[in-house]
C-alpha atoms as a PDB file:
ATOM      1  CA  ARG A   1     -16.260 -48.906 -42.901  1.00  0.00           C
ATOM      2  CA  GLN A   2     -19.340 -46.914 -43.825  1.00  0.00           C
ATOM      3  CA  THR A   3     -17.377 -44.908 -46.377  1.00  0.00           C
ATOM      4  CA  ASP A   4     -15.569 -47.900 -47.867  1.00  0.00           C
ATOM      5  CA  THR A   5     -18.089 -48.489 -50.657  1.00  0.00           C
ATOM      6  CA  PRO A   6     -17.550 -47.999 -54.397  1.00  0.00           C
ATOM      7  CA  LYS A   7     -20.339 -45.376 -54.539  1.00  0.00           C
ATOM      8  CA  PHE A   8     -18.748 -43.308 -51.764  1.00  0.00           C
ATOM      9  CA  LYS A   9     -15.254 -43.649 -53.246  1.00  0.00           C
ATOM     10  CA  ASN A  10     -16.485 -42.499 -56.681  1.00  0.00           C
ATOM     11  CA  ASN A  11     -18.275 -39.427 -55.306  1.00  0.00           C
ATOM     12  CA  TYR A  12     -16.061 -38.251 -52.444  1.00  0.00           C
ATOM     13  CA  ARG A  13     -12.451 -37.919 -51.395  1.00  0.00           C
ATOM     14  CA  LYS A  14     -11.414 -38.789 -47.873  1.00  0.00           C
ATOM     15  CA  TYR A  15      -8.572 -37.061 -46.087  1.00  0.00           C
ATOM     16  CA  LYS A  16      -6.905 -37.983 -42.824  1.00  0.00           C
ATOM     17  CA  TYR A  17      -4.885 -35.491 -40.828  1.00  0.00           C
ATOM     18  CA  LEU A  18      -3.866 -34.989 -37.219  1.00  0.00           C
ATOM     19  CA  ALA A  19      -6.083 -32.748 -35.141  1.00  0.00           C
ATOM     20  CA  PHE A  20      -4.552 -29.880 -33.186  1.00  0.00           C
ATOM     21  CA  ALA A  21      -5.300 -31.796 -29.995  1.00  0.00           C
ATOM     22  CA  TYR A  22      -3.569 -34.092 -27.548  1.00  0.00           C
ATOM     23  CA  THR A  23      -4.283 -35.949 -24.324  1.00  0.00           C
ATOM     24  CA  TYR A  24      -1.809 -36.099 -21.468  1.00  0.00           C
ATOM     25  CA  LEU A  25      -1.262 -37.515 -17.995  1.00  0.00           C
ATOM     26  CA  GLY A  26      -0.222 -34.651 -15.736  1.00  0.00           C
ATOM     27  CA  TYR A  27       1.179 -34.823 -12.225  1.00  0.00           C
ATOM     28  CA  ASN A  28       0.839 -32.535  -9.242  1.00  0.00           C
ATOM     29  CA  LEU A  29       4.537 -31.978  -8.589  1.00  0.00           C
ATOM     30  CA  LEU A  30       3.725 -30.812  -5.062  1.00  0.00           C
ATOM     31  CA  ASN A  31       2.990 -34.489  -4.330  1.00  0.00           C
ATOM     32  CA  PRO A  32       6.182 -36.230  -3.080  1.00  0.00           C
ATOM     33  CA  LYS A  33       5.435 -39.355  -5.153  1.00  0.00           C
ATOM     34  CA  PHE A  34       5.965 -37.427  -8.379  1.00  0.00           C
ATOM     35  CA  GLN A  35       8.876 -35.203  -7.390  1.00  0.00           C
ATOM     36  CA  ASP A  36      11.486 -37.797  -8.361  1.00  0.00           C
ATOM     37  CA  ARG A  37      12.148 -37.547 -12.086  1.00  0.00           C
ATOM     38  CA  ARG A  38      12.875 -41.306 -12.226  1.00  0.00           C
ATOM     39  CA  VAL A  39       9.304 -42.008 -11.129  1.00  0.00           C
ATOM     40  CA  ARG A  40       7.852 -39.783 -13.847  1.00  0.00           C
ATOM     41  CA  HIS A  41      10.118 -41.385 -16.437  1.00  0.00           C
ATOM     42  CA  ALA A  42       9.186 -44.860 -15.185  1.00  0.00           C
ATOM     43  CA  ILE A  43       5.492 -44.098 -15.571  1.00  0.00           C
ATOM     44  CA  SER A  44       6.168 -42.880 -19.119  1.00  0.00           C
ATOM     45  CA  TYR A  45       7.979 -46.134 -19.934  1.00  0.00           C
ATOM     46  CA  ALA A  46       5.180 -48.200 -18.339  1.00  0.00           C
ATOM     47  CA  ILE A  47       2.471 -46.769 -20.604  1.00  0.00           C
ATOM     48  CA  ASP A  48       1.961 -48.309 -24.031  1.00  0.00           C
ATOM     49  CA  LYS A  49       1.062 -45.206 -26.009  1.00  0.00           C
ATOM     50  CA  GLU A  50       0.489 -47.191 -29.226  1.00  0.00           C
ATOM     51  CA  GLU A  51      -2.143 -49.202 -27.349  1.00  0.00           C
ATOM     52  CA  ILE A  52      -3.921 -45.960 -26.487  1.00  0.00           C
ATOM     53  CA  ILE A  53      -3.771 -44.773 -30.102  1.00  0.00           C
ATOM     54  CA  GLU A  54      -5.154 -48.081 -31.371  1.00  0.00           C
ATOM     55  CA  GLY A  55      -7.724 -48.660 -28.622  1.00  0.00           C
ATOM     56  CA  VAL A  56      -8.975 -45.134 -28.006  1.00  0.00           C
ATOM     57  CA  LEU A  57      -8.322 -43.299 -31.281  1.00  0.00           C
ATOM     58  CA  LEU A  58      -8.893 -46.304 -33.564  1.00  0.00           C
ATOM     59  CA  GLY A  59      -5.376 -45.878 -34.946  1.00  0.00           C
ATOM     60  CA  LEU A  60      -5.938 -42.254 -35.934  1.00  0.00           C
ATOM     61  CA  GLY A  61      -3.211 -40.511 -33.978  1.00  0.00           C
ATOM     62  CA  GLU A  62       0.477 -40.260 -33.227  1.00  0.00           C
ATOM     63  CA  ILE A  63       2.502 -40.318 -30.049  1.00  0.00           C
ATOM     64  CA  ALA A  64       2.877 -36.738 -28.856  1.00  0.00           C
ATOM     65  CA  THR A  65       6.027 -35.303 -27.309  1.00  0.00           C
ATOM     66  CA  GLY A  66       4.527 -31.902 -26.653  1.00  0.00           C
ATOM     67  CA  PRO A  67       1.569 -29.701 -27.470  1.00  0.00           C
ATOM     68  CA  TYR A  68       2.447 -29.083 -31.131  1.00  0.00           C
ATOM     69  CA  LYS A  69       1.737 -31.561 -33.889  1.00  0.00           C
ATOM     70  CA  PRO A  70       4.444 -32.673 -36.334  1.00  0.00           C
ATOM     71  CA  GLY A  71       4.756 -30.500 -39.411  1.00  0.00           C
ATOM     72  CA  THR A  72       4.096 -27.240 -37.580  1.00  0.00           C
ATOM     73  CA  TRP A  73       6.835 -24.678 -37.008  1.00  0.00           C
ATOM     74  CA  PRO A  74       6.860 -24.892 -33.170  1.00  0.00           C
ATOM     75  CA  HIS A  75       7.053 -28.726 -33.089  1.00  0.00           C
ATOM     76  CA  ASN A  76      10.376 -30.023 -31.792  1.00  0.00           C
ATOM     77  CA  PRO A  77      11.159 -33.455 -33.280  1.00  0.00           C
ATOM     78  CA  ASP A  78      14.192 -33.855 -30.981  1.00  0.00           C
ATOM     79  CA  VAL A  79      12.244 -34.173 -27.708  1.00  0.00           C
ATOM     80  CA  LYS A  80      13.230 -37.358 -25.865  1.00  0.00           C
ATOM     81  CA  ARG A  81      10.788 -40.231 -26.324  1.00  0.00           C
ATOM     82  CA  TYR A  82       9.799 -42.838 -23.752  1.00  0.00           C
ATOM     83  CA  PRO A  83       8.852 -45.993 -25.659  1.00  0.00           C
ATOM     84  CA  TYR A  84       6.879 -48.714 -23.925  1.00  0.00           C
ATOM     85  CA  ASN A  85       9.411 -50.592 -21.791  1.00  0.00           C
ATOM     86  CA  PRO A  86       7.974 -52.045 -18.557  1.00  0.00           C
ATOM     87  CA  GLU A  87      11.337 -53.549 -17.543  1.00  0.00           C
ATOM     88  CA  LYS A  88      13.008 -50.155 -17.679  1.00  0.00           C
ATOM     89  CA  ALA A  89      10.060 -48.725 -15.731  1.00  0.00           C
ATOM     90  CA  ARG A  90      10.515 -51.332 -12.976  1.00  0.00           C
ATOM     91  CA  ARG A  91      14.257 -50.634 -12.836  1.00  0.00           C
ATOM     92  CA  LEU A  92      13.741 -46.869 -12.504  1.00  0.00           C
ATOM     93  CA  LEU A  93      11.123 -47.347  -9.797  1.00  0.00           C
ATOM     94  CA  GLN A  94      13.478 -49.621  -7.884  1.00  0.00           C
ATOM     95  CA  GLU A  95      16.282 -47.044  -8.204  1.00  0.00           C
ATOM     96  CA  ALA A  96      13.864 -44.477  -6.752  1.00  0.00           C
ATOM     97  CA  GLY A  97      13.261 -46.758  -3.744  1.00  0.00           C
ATOM     98  CA  TRP A  98       9.913 -48.274  -4.764  1.00  0.00           C
ATOM     99  CA  ILE A  99      10.066 -52.024  -4.026  1.00  0.00           C
ATOM    100  CA  ASP A 100       7.369 -54.667  -3.457  1.00  0.00           C
ATOM    101  CA  ARG A 101       8.478 -55.796   0.002  1.00  0.00           C
ATOM    102  CA  ASP A 102       5.370 -57.784   0.968  1.00  0.00           C
ATOM    103  CA  GLY A 103       4.764 -59.565  -2.349  1.00  0.00           C
ATOM    104  CA  ASP A 104       1.267 -58.158  -2.929  1.00  0.00           C
ATOM    105  CA  GLY A 105       2.168 -56.764  -6.359  1.00  0.00           C
ATOM    106  CA  ILE A 106       2.122 -53.121  -5.187  1.00  0.00           C
ATOM    107  CA  LEU A 107       5.383 -51.225  -4.752  1.00  0.00           C
ATOM    108  CA  GLU A 108       6.100 -49.590  -1.395  1.00  0.00           C
ATOM    109  CA  LYS A 109       8.450 -46.928  -0.106  1.00  0.00           C
ATOM    110  CA  ASP A 110       8.825 -45.947   3.532  1.00  0.00           C
ATOM    111  CA  GLY A 111       6.000 -48.364   4.365  1.00  0.00           C
ATOM    112  CA  LYS A 112       3.497 -46.672   2.024  1.00  0.00           C
ATOM    113  CA  PRO A 113       2.110 -48.282  -1.138  1.00  0.00           C
ATOM    114  CA  PHE A 114       2.526 -46.561  -4.486  1.00  0.00           C
ATOM    115  CA  GLU A 115      -1.072 -45.714  -5.183  1.00  0.00           C
ATOM    116  CA  PHE A 116      -2.680 -42.553  -6.416  1.00  0.00           C
ATOM    117  CA  ILE A 117      -5.918 -41.202  -7.848  1.00  0.00           C
ATOM    118  CA  VAL A 118      -6.064 -39.771 -11.354  1.00  0.00           C
ATOM    119  CA  ILE A 119      -8.913 -37.363 -11.997  1.00  0.00           C
ATOM    120  CA  THR A 120     -10.498 -36.434 -15.281  1.00  0.00           C
ATOM    121  CA  ASN A 121     -13.683 -34.804 -16.455  1.00  0.00           C
ATOM    122  CA  GLN A 122     -17.050 -36.351 -17.075  1.00  0.00           C
ATOM    123  CA  GLY A 123     -18.309 -36.599 -20.647  1.00  0.00           C
ATOM    124  CA  ASN A 124     -15.000 -37.333 -22.357  1.00  0.00           C
ATOM    125  CA  ASN A 125     -14.868 -41.007 -23.302  1.00  0.00           C
ATOM    126  CA  GLN A 126     -11.384 -40.705 -24.786  1.00  0.00           C
ATOM    127  CA  ARG A 127      -9.973 -39.571 -21.453  1.00  0.00           C
ATOM    128  CA  SER A 128     -11.776 -42.225 -19.416  1.00  0.00           C
ATOM    129  CA  LYS A 129     -10.680 -44.985 -21.834  1.00  0.00           C
ATOM    130  CA  THR A 130      -7.131 -43.634 -21.748  1.00  0.00           C
ATOM    131  CA  ALA A 131      -7.250 -43.732 -17.948  1.00  0.00           C
ATOM    132  CA  GLU A 132      -8.328 -47.387 -18.009  1.00  0.00           C
ATOM    133  CA  ILE A 133      -5.447 -48.390 -20.278  1.00  0.00           C
ATOM    134  CA  ILE A 134      -2.941 -46.467 -18.143  1.00  0.00           C
ATOM    135  CA  GLN A 135      -4.401 -48.029 -14.995  1.00  0.00           C
ATOM    136  CA  ARG A 136      -3.848 -51.539 -16.359  1.00  0.00           C
ATOM    137  CA  ARG A 137      -0.303 -50.834 -17.558  1.00  0.00           C
ATOM    138  CA  LEU A 138       0.736 -49.210 -14.274  1.00  0.00           C
ATOM    139  CA  ALA A 139      -0.637 -52.184 -12.325  1.00  0.00           C
ATOM    140  CA  GLU A 140       1.744 -54.379 -14.319  1.00  0.00           C
ATOM    141  CA  VAL A 141       4.730 -52.491 -12.873  1.00  0.00           C
ATOM    142  CA  GLY A 142       3.354 -52.338  -9.328  1.00  0.00           C
ATOM    143  CA  ILE A 143       1.524 -48.997  -9.211  1.00  0.00           C
ATOM    144  CA  LYS A 144      -2.111 -48.870  -8.146  1.00  0.00           C
ATOM    145  CA  MET A 145      -3.961 -46.076  -9.901  1.00  0.00           C
ATOM    146  CA  LYS A 146      -7.584 -45.296  -9.125  1.00  0.00           C
ATOM    147  CA  ILE A 147      -9.740 -43.329 -11.559  1.00  0.00           C
ATOM    148  CA  ARG A 148     -12.125 -40.593 -10.476  1.00  0.00           C
ATOM    149  CA  ILE A 149     -14.355 -38.871 -13.022  1.00  0.00           C
ATOM    150  CA  LEU A 150     -15.741 -35.486 -12.018  1.00  0.00           C
ATOM    151  CA  GLU A 151     -18.243 -32.972 -13.369  1.00  0.00           C
ATOM    152  CA  TRP A 152     -16.351 -30.247 -15.285  1.00  0.00           C
ATOM    153  CA  ALA A 153     -16.964 -27.230 -13.010  1.00  0.00           C
ATOM    154  CA  THR A 154     -16.114 -29.223  -9.876  1.00  0.00           C
ATOM    155  CA  PHE A 155     -13.108 -30.764 -11.614  1.00  0.00           C
ATOM    156  CA  ILE A 156     -11.651 -27.356 -12.513  1.00  0.00           C
ATOM    157  CA  ASN A 157     -12.770 -25.181  -9.594  1.00  0.00           C
ATOM    158  CA  GLU A 158     -12.341 -27.578  -6.679  1.00  0.00           C
ATOM    159  CA  TYR A 159      -9.458 -29.771  -7.835  1.00  0.00           C
ATOM    160  CA  ILE A 160      -7.296 -28.394 -10.640  1.00  0.00           C
ATOM    161  CA  ASP A 161      -7.357 -24.704  -9.657  1.00  0.00           C
ATOM    162  CA  LYS A 162      -6.782 -25.524  -5.980  1.00  0.00           C
ATOM    163  CA  LYS A 163      -4.088 -28.124  -6.769  1.00  0.00           C
ATOM    164  CA  LYS A 164      -6.064 -30.732  -4.809  1.00  0.00           C
ATOM    165  CA  PHE A 165      -5.190 -33.680  -7.042  1.00  0.00           C
ATOM    166  CA  GLU A 166      -2.412 -36.217  -7.433  1.00  0.00           C
ATOM    167  CA  ALA A 167      -2.615 -36.711 -11.202  1.00  0.00           C
ATOM    168  CA  THR A 168      -4.968 -35.765 -13.998  1.00  0.00           C
ATOM    169  CA  ILE A 169      -5.765 -36.688 -17.555  1.00  0.00           C
ATOM    170  CA  LEU A 170      -6.474 -33.616 -19.640  1.00  0.00           C
ATOM    171  CA  GLY A 171      -5.935 -32.376 -23.165  1.00  0.00           C
END
């Protein structure tokens, strides 16, 4: 808005382009909850990525399917996409054995609720806002996700490097 004035438009040119950056939700595949591919796919379907682009990036982004941005030689445009589809997410979770047996809104399997903690680093508002949107969308399909924000050195040295995490939001 600040650059939408006639004076600015007459004196400057504005360009918009994708940054060589991305944000992702990563899983610790040593955790049994995330070993079933259907669960990982369900979580992908449960997340409204357009909502994240609009709410966190103010519309200035695209849905990523890998680490390379479109228009670069290593980008693969044929990678499977997981559009927002909460019904498909619920179906996949049910196929994987996650069912809300007690009616509390949280899915269970083998008597244990589907809940996990996602960790991310302090000082990155985009990641914390992304976590909040994901948290809300996962709750809608019966998954309880807690968010834990950690100081960078602790985050890397005590959690990521030692694989002492369930899920993480990084970039």
